[in-house]
Amino acid sequence: MRVLIEVVHIVIGLIAAALIAAAAAWSYPRATDDIWLVAYACMIAVIAMGVQPVRKAFAADKAGLAGTEPRADG
């Protein structure tokens, strides 16, 4: 369940970045290519920042299924 929550957070971040980029590209059409380039870089950063929380959530879920408590330090 924790993994699903973390993945949903990543998806929400990607949707937010896309919506912000779409609004920015709409409001300033001359820089559409640059705006989307920055948006794609931000989307990559959102995914990169979400990897560690997903790994921790996966370990916690796996430990929960095995009947052991996850460690506090990750």
C-alpha atoms as a PDB file:
ATOM      1  CA  MET A   1       0.000   0.000   0.000  1.00  0.00           C
ATOM      2  CA  ARG A   2       2.861   2.373   0.783  1.00  0.00           C
ATOM      3  CA  VAL A   3       4.355   1.847  -2.665  1.00  0.00           C
ATOM      4  CA  LEU A   4       1.056   2.768  -4.290  1.00  0.00           C
ATOM      5  CA  ILE A   5       0.887   5.978  -2.268  1.00  0.00           C
ATOM      6  CA  GLU A   6       4.429   6.953  -3.279  1.00  0.00           C
ATOM      7  CA  VAL A   7       3.749   6.194  -6.940  1.00  0.00           C
ATOM      8  CA  VAL A   8       0.583   8.307  -6.771  1.00  0.00           C
ATOM      9  CA  HIS A   9       2.666  11.167  -5.370  1.00  0.00           C
ATOM     10  CA  ILE A  10       5.038  10.894  -8.333  1.00  0.00           C
ATOM     11  CA  VAL A  11       2.147  10.828 -10.805  1.00  0.00           C
ATOM     12  CA  ILE A  12       0.588  13.890  -9.173  1.00  0.00           C
ATOM     13  CA  GLY A  13       3.936  15.700  -9.448  1.00  0.00           C
ATOM     14  CA  LEU A  14       4.188  14.826 -13.134  1.00  0.00           C
ATOM     15  CA  ILE A  15       0.639  16.003 -13.798  1.00  0.00           C
ATOM     16  CA  ALA A  16       1.281  19.248 -11.928  1.00  0.00           C
ATOM     17  CA  ALA A  17       4.459  19.892 -13.911  1.00  0.00           C
ATOM     18  CA  ALA A  18       2.640  19.215 -17.184  1.00  0.00           C
ATOM     19  CA  LEU A  19      -0.243  21.526 -16.267  1.00  0.00           C
ATOM     20  CA  ILE A  20       2.096  24.328 -15.245  1.00  0.00           C
ATOM     21  CA  ALA A  21       4.104  23.904 -18.436  1.00  0.00           C
ATOM     22  CA  ALA A  22       0.968  23.868 -20.571  1.00  0.00           C
ATOM     23  CA  ALA A  23      -0.280  27.059 -18.945  1.00  0.00           C
ATOM     24  CA  ALA A  24       3.108  28.721 -19.324  1.00  0.00           C
ATOM     25  CA  ALA A  25       3.420  27.653 -22.970  1.00  0.00           C
ATOM     26  CA  TRP A  26      -0.076  28.912 -23.671  1.00  0.00           C
ATOM     27  CA  SER A  27       0.621  32.271 -22.059  1.00  0.00           C
ATOM     28  CA  TYR A  28       3.945  32.820 -23.857  1.00  0.00           C
ATOM     29  CA  PRO A  29       3.887  30.960 -27.184  1.00  0.00           C
ATOM     30  CA  ARG A  30       7.244  32.311 -28.386  1.00  0.00           C
ATOM     31  CA  ALA A  31       9.035  30.259 -25.718  1.00  0.00           C
ATOM     32  CA  THR A  32       6.996  27.075 -25.979  1.00  0.00           C
ATOM     33  CA  ASP A  33       9.976  24.874 -26.834  1.00  0.00           C
ATOM     34  CA  ASP A  34      12.052  26.234 -23.958  1.00  0.00           C
ATOM     35  CA  ILE A  35       9.187  25.943 -21.502  1.00  0.00           C
ATOM     36  CA  TRP A  36       8.617  22.294 -22.385  1.00  0.00           C
ATOM     37  CA  LEU A  37      12.351  21.576 -22.199  1.00  0.00           C
ATOM     38  CA  VAL A  38      12.430  22.895 -18.649  1.00  0.00           C
ATOM     39  CA  ALA A  39       9.200  21.038 -17.846  1.00  0.00           C
ATOM     40  CA  TYR A  40      10.693  17.740 -19.029  1.00  0.00           C
ATOM     41  CA  ALA A  41      13.762  18.374 -16.884  1.00  0.00           C
ATOM     42  CA  CYS A  42      11.498  19.040 -13.904  1.00  0.00           C
ATOM     43  CA  MET A  43       9.570  15.837 -14.599  1.00  0.00           C
ATOM     44  CA  ILE A  44      12.822  13.884 -14.614  1.00  0.00           C
ATOM     45  CA  ALA A  45      13.721  15.520 -11.284  1.00  0.00           C
ATOM     46  CA  VAL A  46      10.323  14.562  -9.838  1.00  0.00           C
ATOM     47  CA  ILE A  47      10.904  10.942 -10.832  1.00  0.00           C
ATOM     48  CA  ALA A  48      14.467  10.980  -9.505  1.00  0.00           C
ATOM     49  CA  MET A  49      13.343  12.412  -6.166  1.00  0.00           C
ATOM     50  CA  GLY A  50      10.622   9.777  -5.937  1.00  0.00           C
ATOM     51  CA  VAL A  51      12.887   6.754  -6.367  1.00  0.00           C
ATOM     52  CA  GLN A  52      14.203   6.643  -2.796  1.00  0.00           C
ATOM     53  CA  PRO A  53      10.776   6.993  -1.144  1.00  0.00           C
ATOM     54  CA  VAL A  54       9.439   4.208  -3.379  1.00  0.00           C
ATOM     55  CA  ARG A  55      12.362   1.975  -2.422  1.00  0.00           C
ATOM     56  CA  LYS A  56      11.764   2.655   1.287  1.00  0.00           C
ATOM     57  CA  ALA A  57       8.039   2.016   0.884  1.00  0.00           C
ATOM     58  CA  PHE A  58       8.752  -1.231  -0.949  1.00  0.00           C
ATOM     59  CA  ALA A  59      11.072  -2.373   1.856  1.00  0.00           C
ATOM     60  CA  ALA A  60       8.473  -1.444   4.469  1.00  0.00           C
ATOM     61  CA  ASP A  61       5.719  -3.296   2.628  1.00  0.00           C
ATOM     62  CA  LYS A  62       7.959  -6.313   2.139  1.00  0.00           C
ATOM     63  CA  ALA A  63       8.885  -6.333   5.826  1.00  0.00           C
ATOM     64  CA  GLY A  64       5.228  -6.015   6.752  1.00  0.00           C
ATOM     65  CA  LEU A  65       4.335  -9.048   4.678  1.00  0.00           C
ATOM     66  CA  ALA A  66       7.181 -11.020   6.246  1.00  0.00           C
ATOM     67  CA  GLY A  67       5.949 -10.093   9.716  1.00  0.00           C
ATOM     68  CA  THR A  68       8.955  -8.035  10.742  1.00  0.00           C
ATOM     69  CA  GLU A  69       9.050  -4.356  11.498  1.00  0.00           C
ATOM     70  CA  PRO A  70      10.936  -2.079   9.087  1.00  0.00           C
ATOM     71  CA  ARG A  71      14.025  -0.369  10.459  1.00  0.00           C
ATOM     72  CA  ALA A  72      13.673   3.287  11.416  1.00  0.00           C
ATOM     73  CA  ASP A  73      16.778   4.311   9.472  1.00  0.00           C
ATOM     74  CA  GLY A  74      15.531   2.940   6.162  1.00  0.00           C
END
